[in-house]
Amino acid sequence: MALSRPKQPELLRARILEAAQGVLLDEGLAAVTHDRVLARTGISKGGLQHHFRTKQLLLDALFDQLFASFVAQYELALAQEPAGPARRMRAYVKASRRNALDVAHSGRATVLLALGDEQYQARWSRFLDETLAPDTLDGATLLACRLAADGLWYSLVFGPVPSAAEVDAALHRILQLTEERP
């Protein structure tokens, strides 16, 4: 009697996406091919194509996963923020810091994907527009806070990484900006 393996499609899908992210980070966007991903997973070509028939579907799924991770961190931060004119910006700032510290390698992968595909850039822009629009801070302060948060995230993801004290001080200063009134 032959033993059969239980099918675990979600685990296999996660392995494939992890391998694709590894190829992306180690070799660049152009190197993400089915063959290179297969070499890192040890699964069959049919198994890979069952989940991701094309490279574009694979990249889309990877971006979706990375994007969903950030959105989840943002929503968690938003739930902890009290009401106010900068509630969403404050949550964005905190989520950006947490995302960068938790998953710097995922941040690099997100940037590489976004640089390589305008649809990912557009999706991120829509998210920012929809997320931050309800805040009632003046536009210049919102933009300054977003750019500062993005810069802090970028530094944490790509380096040079500031000390924990410097990160905390920068985060505190960005959040202070949300409380200032022109």
N, C-alpha and C. Protein backbone atom coordinates (compact mmCIF):
# COMPACT_ATOMS: atom_id res chain seq x y z
N MET A 1 0.84 -1.17 0.00
CA MET A 1 0.00 0.00 0.00
C MET A 1 0.89 1.24 0.00
N ALA A 2 0.69 2.08 -0.97
CA ALA A 2 1.49 3.28 -1.10
C ALA A 2 0.94 4.38 -0.19
N LEU A 3 1.87 5.07 0.43
CA LEU A 3 1.48 6.21 1.25
C LEU A 3 1.29 7.41 0.35
N SER A 4 0.26 8.16 0.60
CA SER A 4 0.09 9.38 -0.20
C SER A 4 0.30 10.59 0.69
N ARG A 5 0.88 11.58 0.10
CA ARG A 5 1.10 12.83 0.82
C ARG A 5 -0.19 13.63 0.85
N PRO A 6 -0.50 14.23 1.99
CA PRO A 6 -1.66 15.11 1.99
C PRO A 6 -1.34 16.35 1.16
N LYS A 7 -2.29 16.78 0.41
CA LYS A 7 -2.09 17.98 -0.41
C LYS A 7 -2.22 19.20 0.48
N GLN A 8 -1.31 20.11 0.31
CA GLN A 8 -1.31 21.34 1.09
C GLN A 8 -1.05 22.51 0.14
N PRO A 9 -2.05 22.85 -0.66
CA PRO A 9 -1.82 23.86 -1.69
C PRO A 9 -1.38 25.23 -1.15
N GLU A 10 -1.86 25.60 0.01
CA GLU A 10 -1.47 26.92 0.54
C GLU A 10 0.00 26.93 0.97
N LEU A 11 0.45 25.82 1.53
CA LEU A 11 1.87 25.72 1.91
C LEU A 11 2.76 25.72 0.67
N LEU A 12 2.34 25.01 -0.35
CA LEU A 12 3.10 24.98 -1.60
C LEU A 12 3.14 26.36 -2.24
N ARG A 13 2.01 27.02 -2.25
CA ARG A 13 1.94 28.38 -2.80
C ARG A 13 2.88 29.32 -2.03
N ALA A 14 2.89 29.20 -0.71
CA ALA A 14 3.77 30.04 0.11
C ALA A 14 5.24 29.75 -0.20
N ARG A 15 5.59 28.47 -0.37
CA ARG A 15 6.96 28.10 -0.74
C ARG A 15 7.36 28.70 -2.07
N ILE A 16 6.45 28.66 -3.02
CA ILE A 16 6.73 29.20 -4.35
C ILE A 16 6.96 30.71 -4.26
N LEU A 17 6.10 31.39 -3.52
CA LEU A 17 6.25 32.85 -3.40
C LEU A 17 7.54 33.22 -2.66
N GLU A 18 7.88 32.43 -1.65
CA GLU A 18 9.14 32.67 -0.94
C GLU A 18 10.34 32.49 -1.87
N ALA A 19 10.28 31.46 -2.69
CA ALA A 19 11.36 31.22 -3.65
C ALA A 19 11.43 32.35 -4.68
N ALA A 20 10.29 32.78 -5.16
CA ALA A 20 10.26 33.89 -6.14
C ALA A 20 10.84 35.16 -5.53
N GLN A 21 10.50 35.41 -4.28
CA GLN A 21 11.05 36.59 -3.61
C GLN A 21 12.56 36.46 -3.45
N GLY A 22 13.03 35.27 -3.15
CA GLY A 22 14.47 35.03 -3.04
C GLY A 22 15.19 35.30 -4.35
N VAL A 23 14.63 34.81 -5.45
CA VAL A 23 15.24 35.08 -6.76
C VAL A 23 15.24 36.57 -7.04
N LEU A 24 14.13 37.23 -6.77
CA LEU A 24 14.02 38.67 -7.00
C LEU A 24 15.10 39.43 -6.23
N LEU A 25 15.26 39.11 -4.96
CA LEU A 25 16.23 39.83 -4.12
C LEU A 25 17.67 39.49 -4.48
N ASP A 26 17.93 38.23 -4.82
CA ASP A 26 19.30 37.81 -5.11
C ASP A 26 19.76 38.13 -6.52
N GLU A 27 18.82 38.09 -7.48
CA GLU A 27 19.23 38.18 -8.87
C GLU A 27 18.53 39.28 -9.67
N GLY A 28 17.47 39.87 -9.13
CA GLY A 28 16.78 40.94 -9.83
C GLY A 28 15.50 40.48 -10.50
N LEU A 29 14.69 41.43 -10.90
CA LEU A 29 13.37 41.16 -11.46
C LEU A 29 13.43 40.32 -12.74
N ALA A 30 14.36 40.63 -13.61
CA ALA A 30 14.44 39.90 -14.88
C ALA A 30 14.76 38.42 -14.66
N ALA A 31 15.39 38.09 -13.56
CA ALA A 31 15.79 36.71 -13.29
C ALA A 31 14.65 35.85 -12.74
N VAL A 32 13.53 36.47 -12.37
CA VAL A 32 12.41 35.69 -11.83
C VAL A 32 11.74 34.95 -12.98
N THR A 33 12.10 33.68 -13.11
CA THR A 33 11.53 32.81 -14.13
C THR A 33 11.03 31.55 -13.44
N HIS A 34 10.18 30.82 -14.14
CA HIS A 34 9.71 29.56 -13.58
C HIS A 34 10.89 28.63 -13.27
N ASP A 35 11.85 28.57 -14.16
CA ASP A 35 12.99 27.67 -13.96
C ASP A 35 13.79 28.04 -12.71
N ARG A 36 14.03 29.33 -12.51
CA ARG A 36 14.81 29.74 -11.33
C ARG A 36 14.03 29.50 -10.05
N VAL A 37 12.73 29.73 -10.10
CA VAL A 37 11.90 29.46 -8.92
C VAL A 37 11.86 27.97 -8.64
N LEU A 38 11.72 27.18 -9.69
CA LEU A 38 11.71 25.72 -9.53
C LEU A 38 13.00 25.22 -8.87
N ALA A 39 14.12 25.79 -9.26
CA ALA A 39 15.41 25.37 -8.71
C ALA A 39 15.47 25.59 -7.20
N ARG A 40 14.70 26.54 -6.70
CA ARG A 40 14.71 26.83 -5.26
C ARG A 40 13.65 26.07 -4.48
N THR A 41 12.70 25.50 -5.16
CA THR A 41 11.60 24.84 -4.45
C THR A 41 11.67 23.33 -4.50
N GLY A 42 12.22 22.77 -5.57
CA GLY A 42 12.26 21.32 -5.71
C GLY A 42 10.91 20.71 -6.05
N ILE A 43 9.99 21.52 -6.53
CA ILE A 43 8.69 20.99 -6.94
C ILE A 43 8.69 20.78 -8.45
N SER A 44 7.65 20.16 -8.94
CA SER A 44 7.57 19.92 -10.38
C SER A 44 7.11 21.18 -11.11
N LYS A 45 7.45 21.22 -12.39
CA LYS A 45 7.02 22.35 -13.21
C LYS A 45 5.49 22.42 -13.25
N GLY A 46 4.85 21.25 -13.31
CA GLY A 46 3.39 21.21 -13.29
C GLY A 46 2.81 21.77 -12.00
N GLY A 47 3.49 21.48 -10.88
CA GLY A 47 3.04 22.02 -9.60
C GLY A 47 3.12 23.54 -9.56
N LEU A 48 4.21 24.06 -10.10
CA LEU A 48 4.36 25.52 -10.15
C LEU A 48 3.32 26.13 -11.08
N GLN A 49 3.16 25.56 -12.25
CA GLN A 49 2.23 26.12 -13.22
C GLN A 49 0.78 25.95 -12.79
N HIS A 50 0.51 24.98 -11.94
CA HIS A 50 -0.85 24.84 -11.40
C HIS A 50 -1.20 26.09 -10.59
N HIS A 51 -0.24 26.62 -9.86
CA HIS A 51 -0.49 27.80 -9.03
C HIS A 51 -0.27 29.10 -9.79
N PHE A 52 0.74 29.13 -10.65
CA PHE A 52 1.10 30.36 -11.36
C PHE A 52 1.45 30.01 -12.79
N ARG A 53 0.47 30.10 -13.67
CA ARG A 53 0.65 29.70 -15.05
C ARG A 53 1.70 30.55 -15.76
N THR A 54 1.80 31.83 -15.38
CA THR A 54 2.75 32.72 -16.05
C THR A 54 3.60 33.45 -15.02
N LYS A 55 4.68 34.00 -15.49
CA LYS A 55 5.55 34.82 -14.64
C LYS A 55 4.77 36.01 -14.09
N GLN A 56 3.94 36.61 -14.92
CA GLN A 56 3.18 37.78 -14.47
C GLN A 56 2.24 37.42 -13.33
N LEU A 57 1.60 36.26 -13.42
CA LEU A 57 0.72 35.83 -12.33
C LEU A 57 1.51 35.58 -11.05
N LEU A 58 2.72 35.07 -11.19
CA LEU A 58 3.59 34.86 -10.04
C LEU A 58 3.98 36.19 -9.41
N LEU A 59 4.39 37.14 -10.24
CA LEU A 59 4.77 38.46 -9.72
C LEU A 59 3.57 39.17 -9.09
N ASP A 60 2.41 39.05 -9.73
CA ASP A 60 1.20 39.66 -9.17
C ASP A 60 0.89 39.09 -7.79
N ALA A 61 1.01 37.78 -7.66
CA ALA A 61 0.73 37.15 -6.36
C ALA A 61 1.75 37.58 -5.31
N LEU A 62 3.00 37.71 -5.70
CA LEU A 62 4.03 38.16 -4.77
C LEU A 62 3.74 39.59 -4.32
N PHE A 63 3.43 40.46 -5.27
CA PHE A 63 3.10 41.83 -4.89
C PHE A 63 1.87 41.86 -3.99
N ASP A 64 0.84 41.09 -4.34
CA ASP A 64 -0.37 41.03 -3.51
C ASP A 64 -0.04 40.64 -2.07
N GLN A 65 0.82 39.66 -1.92
CA GLN A 65 1.19 39.19 -0.59
C GLN A 65 1.92 40.28 0.19
N LEU A 66 2.88 40.92 -0.44
CA LEU A 66 3.65 41.97 0.22
C LEU A 66 2.77 43.17 0.55
N PHE A 67 1.91 43.53 -0.39
CA PHE A 67 1.00 44.66 -0.20
C PHE A 67 0.02 44.36 0.94
N ALA A 68 -0.53 43.16 0.95
CA ALA A 68 -1.48 42.77 2.00
C ALA A 68 -0.82 42.80 3.38
N SER A 69 0.44 42.45 3.45
CA SER A 69 1.16 42.49 4.72
C SER A 69 1.23 43.93 5.23
N PHE A 70 1.56 44.87 4.34
CA PHE A 70 1.63 46.27 4.77
C PHE A 70 0.24 46.77 5.17
N VAL A 71 -0.76 46.46 4.37
CA VAL A 71 -2.12 46.92 4.67
C VAL A 71 -2.58 46.38 6.02
N ALA A 72 -2.25 45.15 6.33
CA ALA A 72 -2.62 44.57 7.63
C ALA A 72 -1.94 45.33 8.77
N GLN A 73 -0.68 45.68 8.58
CA GLN A 73 0.02 46.45 9.61
C GLN A 73 -0.60 47.85 9.74
N TYR A 74 -0.96 48.44 8.62
CA TYR A 74 -1.62 49.75 8.66
C TYR A 74 -2.96 49.65 9.40
N GLU A 75 -3.76 48.67 9.07
CA GLU A 75 -5.08 48.54 9.70
C GLU A 75 -4.97 48.29 11.20
N LEU A 76 -3.96 47.54 11.61
CA LEU A 76 -3.72 47.32 13.03
C LEU A 76 -3.36 48.64 13.70
N ALA A 77 -2.47 49.39 13.09
CA ALA A 77 -2.08 50.69 13.65
C ALA A 77 -3.26 51.65 13.68
N LEU A 78 -4.08 51.63 12.63
CA LEU A 78 -5.25 52.52 12.57
C LEU A 78 -6.23 52.21 13.70
N ALA A 79 -6.43 50.95 13.98
CA ALA A 79 -7.36 50.55 15.05
C ALA A 79 -6.89 51.06 16.41
N GLN A 80 -5.60 51.32 16.56
CA GLN A 80 -5.05 51.76 17.84
C GLN A 80 -4.95 53.29 17.94
N GLU A 81 -5.25 53.99 16.85
CA GLU A 81 -5.14 55.45 16.85
C GLU A 81 -6.46 56.09 17.27
N PRO A 82 -6.40 57.08 18.16
CA PRO A 82 -7.63 57.80 18.51
C PRO A 82 -8.07 58.69 17.35
N ALA A 83 -9.32 59.08 17.39
CA ALA A 83 -9.85 59.98 16.37
C ALA A 83 -9.06 61.29 16.38
N GLY A 84 -9.01 61.92 15.24
CA GLY A 84 -8.31 63.20 15.13
C GLY A 84 -8.01 63.50 13.69
N PRO A 85 -7.53 64.73 13.44
CA PRO A 85 -7.33 65.17 12.06
C PRO A 85 -6.20 64.44 11.33
N ALA A 86 -5.34 63.75 12.07
CA ALA A 86 -4.20 63.06 11.44
C ALA A 86 -4.18 61.58 11.80
N ARG A 87 -5.31 61.03 12.13
CA ARG A 87 -5.39 59.63 12.58
C ARG A 87 -4.78 58.68 11.55
N ARG A 88 -5.14 58.83 10.31
CA ARG A 88 -4.67 57.92 9.27
C ARG A 88 -3.18 58.11 8.98
N MET A 89 -2.72 59.34 9.00
CA MET A 89 -1.29 59.59 8.77
C MET A 89 -0.48 58.99 9.91
N ARG A 90 -0.94 59.16 11.13
CA ARG A 90 -0.22 58.60 12.27
C ARG A 90 -0.13 57.07 12.14
N ALA A 91 -1.22 56.45 11.73
CA ALA A 91 -1.22 55.00 11.54
C ALA A 91 -0.26 54.61 10.41
N TYR A 92 -0.23 55.39 9.34
CA TYR A 92 0.66 55.12 8.21
C TYR A 92 2.13 55.20 8.66
N VAL A 93 2.44 56.22 9.44
CA VAL A 93 3.81 56.40 9.93
C VAL A 93 4.21 55.19 10.78
N LYS A 94 3.35 54.79 11.69
CA LYS A 94 3.67 53.67 12.57
C LYS A 94 3.74 52.35 11.80
N ALA A 95 2.85 52.16 10.85
CA ALA A 95 2.88 50.94 10.05
C ALA A 95 4.14 50.89 9.18
N SER A 96 4.55 52.02 8.66
CA SER A 96 5.76 52.07 7.84
C SER A 96 6.97 51.64 8.65
N ARG A 97 7.07 52.14 9.85
CA ARG A 97 8.20 51.78 10.72
C ARG A 97 8.15 50.30 11.06
N ARG A 98 6.99 49.84 11.47
CA ARG A 98 6.86 48.43 11.85
C ARG A 98 7.16 47.52 10.66
N ASN A 99 6.64 47.86 9.49
CA ASN A 99 6.85 47.05 8.29
C ASN A 99 8.34 46.96 7.98
N ALA A 100 9.02 48.08 8.05
CA ALA A 100 10.45 48.10 7.72
C ALA A 100 11.25 47.28 8.73
N LEU A 101 10.92 47.37 9.99
CA LEU A 101 11.66 46.64 11.01
C LEU A 101 11.35 45.15 10.98
N ASP A 102 10.10 44.81 10.69
CA ASP A 102 9.69 43.41 10.69
C ASP A 102 10.18 42.65 9.47
N VAL A 103 10.10 43.29 8.32
CA VAL A 103 10.34 42.55 7.08
C VAL A 103 11.12 43.39 6.07
N ALA A 104 12.33 43.75 6.43
CA ALA A 104 13.12 44.59 5.52
C ALA A 104 13.29 43.93 4.16
N HIS A 105 13.49 42.61 4.13
CA HIS A 105 13.66 41.94 2.84
C HIS A 105 12.40 42.05 1.99
N SER A 106 11.22 42.03 2.63
CA SER A 106 9.98 42.20 1.89
C SER A 106 9.85 43.62 1.35
N GLY A 107 10.36 44.58 2.09
CA GLY A 107 10.35 45.96 1.62
C GLY A 107 11.17 46.12 0.36
N ARG A 108 12.34 45.51 0.35
CA ARG A 108 13.18 45.58 -0.85
C ARG A 108 12.47 44.91 -2.03
N ALA A 109 11.83 43.80 -1.78
CA ALA A 109 11.11 43.11 -2.86
C ALA A 109 9.96 43.97 -3.37
N THR A 110 9.26 44.64 -2.48
CA THR A 110 8.16 45.51 -2.89
C THR A 110 8.67 46.62 -3.80
N VAL A 111 9.77 47.23 -3.43
CA VAL A 111 10.34 48.31 -4.25
C VAL A 111 10.77 47.78 -5.61
N LEU A 112 11.43 46.64 -5.65
CA LEU A 112 11.86 46.09 -6.94
C LEU A 112 10.67 45.78 -7.84
N LEU A 113 9.61 45.24 -7.27
CA LEU A 113 8.42 44.96 -8.07
C LEU A 113 7.79 46.26 -8.57
N ALA A 114 7.67 47.24 -7.68
CA ALA A 114 7.03 48.50 -8.07
C ALA A 114 7.84 49.23 -9.13
N LEU A 115 9.15 49.17 -9.03
CA LEU A 115 9.98 49.81 -10.06
C LEU A 115 9.82 49.13 -11.41
N GLY A 116 9.50 47.84 -11.38
CA GLY A 116 9.41 47.08 -12.61
C GLY A 116 8.04 47.05 -13.26
N ASP A 117 7.03 47.57 -12.58
CA ASP A 117 5.68 47.45 -13.14
C ASP A 117 4.82 48.63 -12.69
N GLU A 118 4.35 49.38 -13.66
CA GLU A 118 3.54 50.57 -13.36
C GLU A 118 2.23 50.24 -12.66
N GLN A 119 1.68 49.03 -12.89
CA GLN A 119 0.43 48.69 -12.22
C GLN A 119 0.61 48.63 -10.71
N TYR A 120 1.79 48.20 -10.25
CA TYR A 120 2.04 48.14 -8.81
C TYR A 120 2.22 49.56 -8.26
N GLN A 121 2.87 50.40 -9.01
CA GLN A 121 3.02 51.80 -8.60
C GLN A 121 1.65 52.45 -8.48
N ALA A 122 0.79 52.22 -9.47
CA ALA A 122 -0.55 52.81 -9.46
C ALA A 122 -1.37 52.29 -8.28
N ARG A 123 -1.23 51.01 -7.99
CA ARG A 123 -1.97 50.44 -6.86
C ARG A 123 -1.53 51.08 -5.55
N TRP A 124 -0.22 51.26 -5.38
CA TRP A 124 0.29 51.90 -4.17
C TRP A 124 -0.20 53.35 -4.08
N SER A 125 -0.18 54.06 -5.19
CA SER A 125 -0.65 55.45 -5.20
C SER A 125 -2.12 55.54 -4.83
N ARG A 126 -2.94 54.64 -5.38
CA ARG A 126 -4.37 54.62 -5.02
C ARG A 126 -4.56 54.36 -3.53
N PHE A 127 -3.77 53.43 -3.02
CA PHE A 127 -3.86 53.13 -1.59
C PHE A 127 -3.55 54.37 -0.77
N LEU A 128 -2.49 55.07 -1.11
CA LEU A 128 -2.13 56.29 -0.36
C LEU A 128 -3.22 57.35 -0.50
N ASP A 129 -3.70 57.56 -1.70
CA ASP A 129 -4.75 58.56 -1.91
C ASP A 129 -5.99 58.24 -1.08
N GLU A 130 -6.42 56.99 -1.14
CA GLU A 130 -7.64 56.60 -0.43
C GLU A 130 -7.42 56.56 1.08
N THR A 131 -6.24 56.18 1.49
CA THR A 131 -5.95 56.01 2.90
C THR A 131 -5.80 57.35 3.61
N LEU A 132 -5.09 58.27 3.00
CA LEU A 132 -4.74 59.51 3.68
C LEU A 132 -5.72 60.64 3.41
N ALA A 133 -6.54 60.53 2.40
CA ALA A 133 -7.47 61.61 2.03
C ALA A 133 -8.42 62.02 3.16
N PRO A 134 -8.94 61.09 3.96
CA PRO A 134 -9.87 61.51 5.01
C PRO A 134 -9.25 62.37 6.12
N ASP A 135 -7.92 62.35 6.25
CA ASP A 135 -7.30 63.22 7.26
C ASP A 135 -7.53 64.67 6.89
N THR A 136 -7.66 65.51 7.90
CA THR A 136 -7.98 66.91 7.65
C THR A 136 -6.81 67.85 7.93
N LEU A 137 -5.62 67.33 8.09
CA LEU A 137 -4.45 68.19 8.19
C LEU A 137 -4.27 68.91 6.87
N ASP A 138 -3.56 70.03 6.90
CA ASP A 138 -3.30 70.72 5.64
C ASP A 138 -2.43 69.85 4.74
N GLY A 139 -2.57 70.05 3.46
CA GLY A 139 -1.90 69.21 2.47
C GLY A 139 -0.39 69.19 2.60
N ALA A 140 0.21 70.33 2.92
CA ALA A 140 1.67 70.39 3.03
C ALA A 140 2.16 69.56 4.21
N THR A 141 1.45 69.60 5.31
CA THR A 141 1.86 68.81 6.49
C THR A 141 1.67 67.32 6.21
N LEU A 142 0.56 66.96 5.57
CA LEU A 142 0.35 65.55 5.22
C LEU A 142 1.48 65.04 4.32
N LEU A 143 1.83 65.84 3.32
CA LEU A 143 2.88 65.42 2.40
C LEU A 143 4.23 65.33 3.12
N ALA A 144 4.52 66.30 3.96
CA ALA A 144 5.79 66.27 4.70
C ALA A 144 5.87 65.04 5.60
N CYS A 145 4.79 64.70 6.26
CA CYS A 145 4.76 63.52 7.12
C CYS A 145 4.92 62.25 6.30
N ARG A 146 4.22 62.18 5.18
CA ARG A 146 4.32 60.99 4.34
C ARG A 146 5.72 60.81 3.79
N LEU A 147 6.31 61.90 3.32
CA LEU A 147 7.66 61.81 2.78
C LEU A 147 8.67 61.45 3.87
N ALA A 148 8.48 61.99 5.06
CA ALA A 148 9.38 61.64 6.17
C ALA A 148 9.22 60.17 6.55
N ALA A 149 7.98 59.71 6.62
CA ALA A 149 7.74 58.29 6.95
C ALA A 149 8.31 57.40 5.86
N ASP A 150 8.11 57.76 4.61
CA ASP A 150 8.65 56.97 3.51
C ASP A 150 10.18 56.96 3.54
N GLY A 151 10.77 58.09 3.86
CA GLY A 151 12.23 58.16 3.96
C GLY A 151 12.76 57.31 5.10
N LEU A 152 12.07 57.33 6.23
CA LEU A 152 12.47 56.49 7.36
C LEU A 152 12.35 55.02 6.97
N TRP A 153 11.24 54.65 6.34
CA TRP A 153 11.04 53.27 5.88
C TRP A 153 12.17 52.87 4.94
N TYR A 154 12.46 53.74 3.98
CA TYR A 154 13.50 53.44 2.99
C TYR A 154 14.85 53.22 3.67
N SER A 155 15.17 54.06 4.62
CA SER A 155 16.44 53.93 5.33
C SER A 155 16.49 52.63 6.12
N LEU A 156 15.40 52.25 6.74
CA LEU A 156 15.36 51.00 7.50
C LEU A 156 15.45 49.78 6.59
N VAL A 157 14.90 49.90 5.38
CA VAL A 157 14.91 48.78 4.44
C VAL A 157 16.24 48.68 3.70
N PHE A 158 16.77 49.81 3.23
CA PHE A 158 17.95 49.79 2.38
C PHE A 158 19.23 50.24 3.08
N GLY A 159 19.08 50.93 4.19
CA GLY A 159 20.26 51.40 4.91
C GLY A 159 20.76 52.73 4.38
N PRO A 160 21.72 53.30 5.02
CA PRO A 160 22.25 52.78 6.28
C PRO A 160 21.19 52.89 7.38
N VAL A 161 21.12 51.86 8.18
CA VAL A 161 20.09 51.79 9.22
C VAL A 161 20.52 52.64 10.41
N PRO A 162 19.68 53.61 10.76
CA PRO A 162 20.00 54.42 11.94
C PRO A 162 19.86 53.59 13.22
N SER A 163 20.42 54.11 14.28
CA SER A 163 20.30 53.41 15.57
C SER A 163 18.84 53.42 16.02
N ALA A 164 18.53 52.56 16.96
CA ALA A 164 17.16 52.50 17.50
C ALA A 164 16.75 53.85 18.10
N ALA A 165 17.68 54.51 18.77
CA ALA A 165 17.38 55.82 19.36
C ALA A 165 17.09 56.85 18.27
N GLU A 166 17.85 56.81 17.19
CA GLU A 166 17.61 57.74 16.09
C GLU A 166 16.27 57.47 15.42
N VAL A 167 15.93 56.20 15.26
CA VAL A 167 14.64 55.84 14.67
C VAL A 167 13.51 56.33 15.55
N ASP A 168 13.62 56.09 16.85
CA ASP A 168 12.58 56.54 17.78
C ASP A 168 12.45 58.06 17.76
N ALA A 169 13.56 58.77 17.72
CA ALA A 169 13.52 60.24 17.70
C ALA A 169 12.89 60.74 16.40
N ALA A 170 13.24 60.12 15.29
CA ALA A 170 12.65 60.53 14.00
C ALA A 170 11.16 60.24 13.98
N LEU A 171 10.78 59.07 14.45
CA LEU A 171 9.36 58.72 14.51
C LEU A 171 8.61 59.71 15.38
N HIS A 172 9.17 60.03 16.53
CA HIS A 172 8.54 61.00 17.42
C HIS A 172 8.37 62.36 16.73
N ARG A 173 9.38 62.79 16.03
CA ARG A 173 9.32 64.10 15.34
C ARG A 173 8.27 64.08 14.23
N ILE A 174 8.21 63.01 13.47
CA ILE A 174 7.20 62.91 12.41
C ILE A 174 5.81 62.98 13.02
N LEU A 175 5.61 62.26 14.11
CA LEU A 175 4.30 62.27 14.76
C LEU A 175 3.99 63.64 15.36
N GLN A 176 5.01 64.36 15.81
CA GLN A 176 4.79 65.73 16.31
C GLN A 176 4.25 66.63 15.20
N LEU A 177 4.73 66.42 13.99
CA LEU A 177 4.26 67.23 12.87
C LEU A 177 2.74 67.09 12.68
N THR A 178 2.21 65.92 13.00
CA THR A 178 0.77 65.71 12.81
C THR A 178 -0.05 66.48 13.83
N GLU A 179 0.60 66.95 14.89
CA GLU A 179 -0.09 67.69 15.95
C GLU A 179 0.05 69.20 15.79
N GLU A 180 0.96 69.65 14.95
CA GLU A 180 1.18 71.08 14.77
C GLU A 180 0.09 71.67 13.89
N ARG A 181 -0.25 72.87 14.17
CA ARG A 181 -1.24 73.59 13.36
C ARG A 181 -0.56 74.81 12.74
N PRO A 182 -0.74 74.98 11.46
CA PRO A 182 -0.09 76.13 10.78
C PRO A 182 -0.69 77.45 11.24
